[in-house]
Amino acid sequence: MQHLARHRADAGKWRQALDTATEALAFDDRSDAADVPRLLLLTVRGEALLGLGQLDLAAREAESCCYDDGAVRALGALLRAPADAGLQARYDTAVARLTTRTASERGR
């Protein structure tokens, strides 16, 4: 189901991608687990929310699963709306985490 959700997101079928990812996550709700399939499903779910224009929900979803790239994209899209200091702070935090992680990965 993760592959189907990914395929639907890549095709821009946001509602179908969201529904498929949500259904797949419901099969085995191990919310404390950080396994790769679960993270990939959460990523698709966040992207689908972003694609559906549910930017704040997408940002919260990305932040909650530590998907910094997704959080940066969702928060960046939100910043194009009227200015909000709280959103700016969340965006800056996500960018800092992403930058730090990327720099440490290059240093390996």
C-alpha atoms as a PDB file:
ATOM      1  CA  MET A   1       0.000   0.000   0.000  1.00  0.00           C
ATOM      2  CA  GLN A   2       2.938   2.308   0.635  1.00  0.00           C
ATOM      3  CA  HIS A   3       3.997   1.966  -3.004  1.00  0.00           C
ATOM      4  CA  LEU A   4       0.454   2.640  -4.201  1.00  0.00           C
ATOM      5  CA  ALA A   5       0.213   5.738  -1.993  1.00  0.00           C
ATOM      6  CA  ARG A   6       3.586   6.950  -3.328  1.00  0.00           C
ATOM      7  CA  HIS A   7       2.484   6.334  -6.941  1.00  0.00           C
ATOM      8  CA  ARG A   8      -0.734   8.273  -6.405  1.00  0.00           C
ATOM      9  CA  ALA A   9       1.134  11.183  -4.815  1.00  0.00           C
ATOM     10  CA  ASP A  10       3.645  11.245  -7.669  1.00  0.00           C
ATOM     11  CA  ALA A  11       0.694  11.390 -10.094  1.00  0.00           C
ATOM     12  CA  GLY A  12      -0.808  14.331  -8.189  1.00  0.00           C
ATOM     13  CA  LYS A  13      -3.804  12.283  -7.040  1.00  0.00           C
ATOM     14  CA  TRP A  14      -3.671  13.849  -3.601  1.00  0.00           C
ATOM     15  CA  ARG A  15      -6.971  12.620  -2.150  1.00  0.00           C
ATOM     16  CA  GLN A  16      -6.304   9.030  -3.241  1.00  0.00           C
ATOM     17  CA  ALA A  17      -2.736   9.212  -1.907  1.00  0.00           C
ATOM     18  CA  LEU A  18      -3.962  10.552   1.429  1.00  0.00           C
ATOM     19  CA  ASP A  19      -6.667   7.899   1.721  1.00  0.00           C
ATOM     20  CA  THR A  20      -4.290   5.063   0.820  1.00  0.00           C
ATOM     21  CA  ALA A  21      -1.569   6.226   3.217  1.00  0.00           C
ATOM     22  CA  THR A  22      -4.083   6.730   6.031  1.00  0.00           C
ATOM     23  CA  GLU A  23      -5.575   3.280   5.452  1.00  0.00           C
ATOM     24  CA  ALA A  24      -2.137   1.649   5.410  1.00  0.00           C
ATOM     25  CA  LEU A  25      -1.134   3.404   8.640  1.00  0.00           C
ATOM     26  CA  ALA A  26      -4.308   2.114  10.303  1.00  0.00           C
ATOM     27  CA  PHE A  27      -3.318  -1.505   9.624  1.00  0.00           C
ATOM     28  CA  ASP A  28      -0.501  -1.439  12.158  1.00  0.00           C
ATOM     29  CA  ASP A  29      -0.632   1.595  14.405  1.00  0.00           C
ATOM     30  CA  ARG A  30       2.811   1.535  15.955  1.00  0.00           C
ATOM     31  CA  SER A  31       2.985   5.270  16.499  1.00  0.00           C
ATOM     32  CA  ASP A  32       6.116   4.909  18.612  1.00  0.00           C
ATOM     33  CA  ALA A  33       7.964   2.948  15.918  1.00  0.00           C
ATOM     34  CA  ALA A  34      10.321   4.685  13.528  1.00  0.00           C
ATOM     35  CA  ASP A  35      10.407   1.948  10.888  1.00  0.00           C
ATOM     36  CA  VAL A  36      11.024   2.963   7.283  1.00  0.00           C
ATOM     37  CA  PRO A  37       7.639   1.923   5.799  1.00  0.00           C
ATOM     38  CA  ARG A  38       5.813   3.937   8.462  1.00  0.00           C
ATOM     39  CA  LEU A  39       7.995   7.000   7.854  1.00  0.00           C
ATOM     40  CA  LEU A  40       7.437   6.697   4.103  1.00  0.00           C
ATOM     41  CA  LEU A  41       3.671   6.513   4.622  1.00  0.00           C
ATOM     42  CA  LEU A  42       3.767   9.544   6.905  1.00  0.00           C
ATOM     43  CA  THR A  43       5.784  11.364   4.243  1.00  0.00           C
ATOM     44  CA  VAL A  44       3.223  10.576   1.533  1.00  0.00           C
ATOM     45  CA  ARG A  45       0.448  11.611   3.873  1.00  0.00           C
ATOM     46  CA  GLY A  46       2.097  14.965   4.547  1.00  0.00           C
ATOM     47  CA  GLU A  47       2.737  15.551   0.847  1.00  0.00           C
ATOM     48  CA  ALA A  48      -0.892  14.717   0.058  1.00  0.00           C
ATOM     49  CA  LEU A  49      -2.106  17.172   2.689  1.00  0.00           C
ATOM     50  CA  LEU A  50       0.171  19.804   1.171  1.00  0.00           C
ATOM     51  CA  GLY A  51      -1.170  18.968  -2.298  1.00  0.00           C
ATOM     52  CA  LEU A  52      -4.733  19.332  -1.019  1.00  0.00           C
ATOM     53  CA  GLY A  53      -3.925  22.790   0.325  1.00  0.00           C
ATOM     54  CA  GLN A  54      -4.087  21.758   3.974  1.00  0.00           C
ATOM     55  CA  LEU A  55      -0.779  23.473   4.630  1.00  0.00           C
ATOM     56  CA  ASP A  56      -0.904  23.874   8.400  1.00  0.00           C
ATOM     57  CA  LEU A  57      -1.924  20.249   8.896  1.00  0.00           C
ATOM     58  CA  ALA A  58       0.828  19.154   6.488  1.00  0.00           C
ATOM     59  CA  ALA A  59       3.409  21.177   8.417  1.00  0.00           C
ATOM     60  CA  ARG A  60       2.301  19.710  11.754  1.00  0.00           C
ATOM     61  CA  GLU A  61       2.384  16.211  10.279  1.00  0.00           C
ATOM     62  CA  ALA A  62       5.923  16.711   8.943  1.00  0.00           C
ATOM     63  CA  GLU A  63       7.120  18.238  12.195  1.00  0.00           C
ATOM     64  CA  SER A  64       5.601  15.440  14.269  1.00  0.00           C
ATOM     65  CA  CYS A  65       7.402  12.703  12.327  1.00  0.00           C
ATOM     66  CA  CYS A  66      10.684  14.666  12.129  1.00  0.00           C
ATOM     67  CA  TYR A  67      10.519  14.938   8.346  1.00  0.00           C
ATOM     68  CA  ASP A  68      12.412  18.216   8.148  1.00  0.00           C
ATOM     69  CA  ASP A  69      12.387  18.524   4.362  1.00  0.00           C
ATOM     70  CA  GLY A  70       8.607  18.184   4.328  1.00  0.00           C
ATOM     71  CA  ALA A  71       8.251  20.599   7.230  1.00  0.00           C
ATOM     72  CA  VAL A  72      10.391  23.195   5.432  1.00  0.00           C
ATOM     73  CA  ARG A  73       8.309  22.880   2.246  1.00  0.00           C
ATOM     74  CA  ALA A  74       4.960  23.032   4.034  1.00  0.00           C
ATOM     75  CA  LEU A  75       5.972  25.904   6.300  1.00  0.00           C
ATOM     76  CA  GLY A  76       7.495  27.752   3.335  1.00  0.00           C
ATOM     77  CA  ALA A  77       4.185  27.493   1.507  1.00  0.00           C
ATOM     78  CA  LEU A  78       2.372  28.805   4.567  1.00  0.00           C
ATOM     79  CA  LEU A  79       4.740  31.785   4.747  1.00  0.00           C
ATOM     80  CA  ARG A  80       3.526  32.921   1.322  1.00  0.00           C
ATOM     81  CA  ALA A  81       0.232  33.751   3.036  1.00  0.00           C
ATOM     82  CA  PRO A  82      -0.037  36.780   5.342  1.00  0.00           C
ATOM     83  CA  ALA A  83       2.999  37.126   7.634  1.00  0.00           C
ATOM     84  CA  ASP A  84       2.913  35.199  10.894  1.00  0.00           C
ATOM     85  CA  ALA A  85       5.779  35.372  13.399  1.00  0.00           C
ATOM     86  CA  GLY A  86       4.945  31.947  14.836  1.00  0.00           C
ATOM     87  CA  LEU A  87       5.130  30.308  11.411  1.00  0.00           C
ATOM     88  CA  GLN A  88       8.390  32.108  10.679  1.00  0.00           C
ATOM     89  CA  ALA A  89       9.888  30.708  13.898  1.00  0.00           C
ATOM     90  CA  ARG A  90       8.704  27.164  13.045  1.00  0.00           C
ATOM     91  CA  TYR A  91      10.148  27.523   9.534  1.00  0.00           C
ATOM     92  CA  ASP A  92      13.495  28.786  10.870  1.00  0.00           C
ATOM     93  CA  THR A  93      13.671  25.866  13.324  1.00  0.00           C
ATOM     94  CA  ALA A  94      12.921  23.303  10.611  1.00  0.00           C
ATOM     95  CA  VAL A  95      15.517  24.833   8.268  1.00  0.00           C
ATOM     96  CA  ALA A  96      18.112  24.789  11.056  1.00  0.00           C
ATOM     97  CA  ARG A  97      17.438  21.090  11.777  1.00  0.00           C
ATOM     98  CA  LEU A  98      17.609  20.235   8.086  1.00  0.00           C
ATOM     99  CA  THR A  99      20.804  22.237   7.568  1.00  0.00           C
ATOM    100  CA  THR A 100      22.474  20.694  10.613  1.00  0.00           C
ATOM    101  CA  ARG A 101      21.489  17.171   9.562  1.00  0.00           C
ATOM    102  CA  THR A 102      22.662  17.711   5.988  1.00  0.00           C
ATOM    103  CA  ALA A 103      26.002  19.136   7.138  1.00  0.00           C
ATOM    104  CA  SER A 104      26.617  16.234   9.522  1.00  0.00           C
ATOM    105  CA  GLU A 105      25.773  13.707   6.771  1.00  0.00           C
ATOM    106  CA  ARG A 106      28.303  15.326   4.438  1.00  0.00           C
ATOM    107  CA  GLY A 107      30.940  15.164   7.175  1.00  0.00           C
ATOM    108  CA  ARG A 108      30.740  11.385   7.464  1.00  0.00           C
END
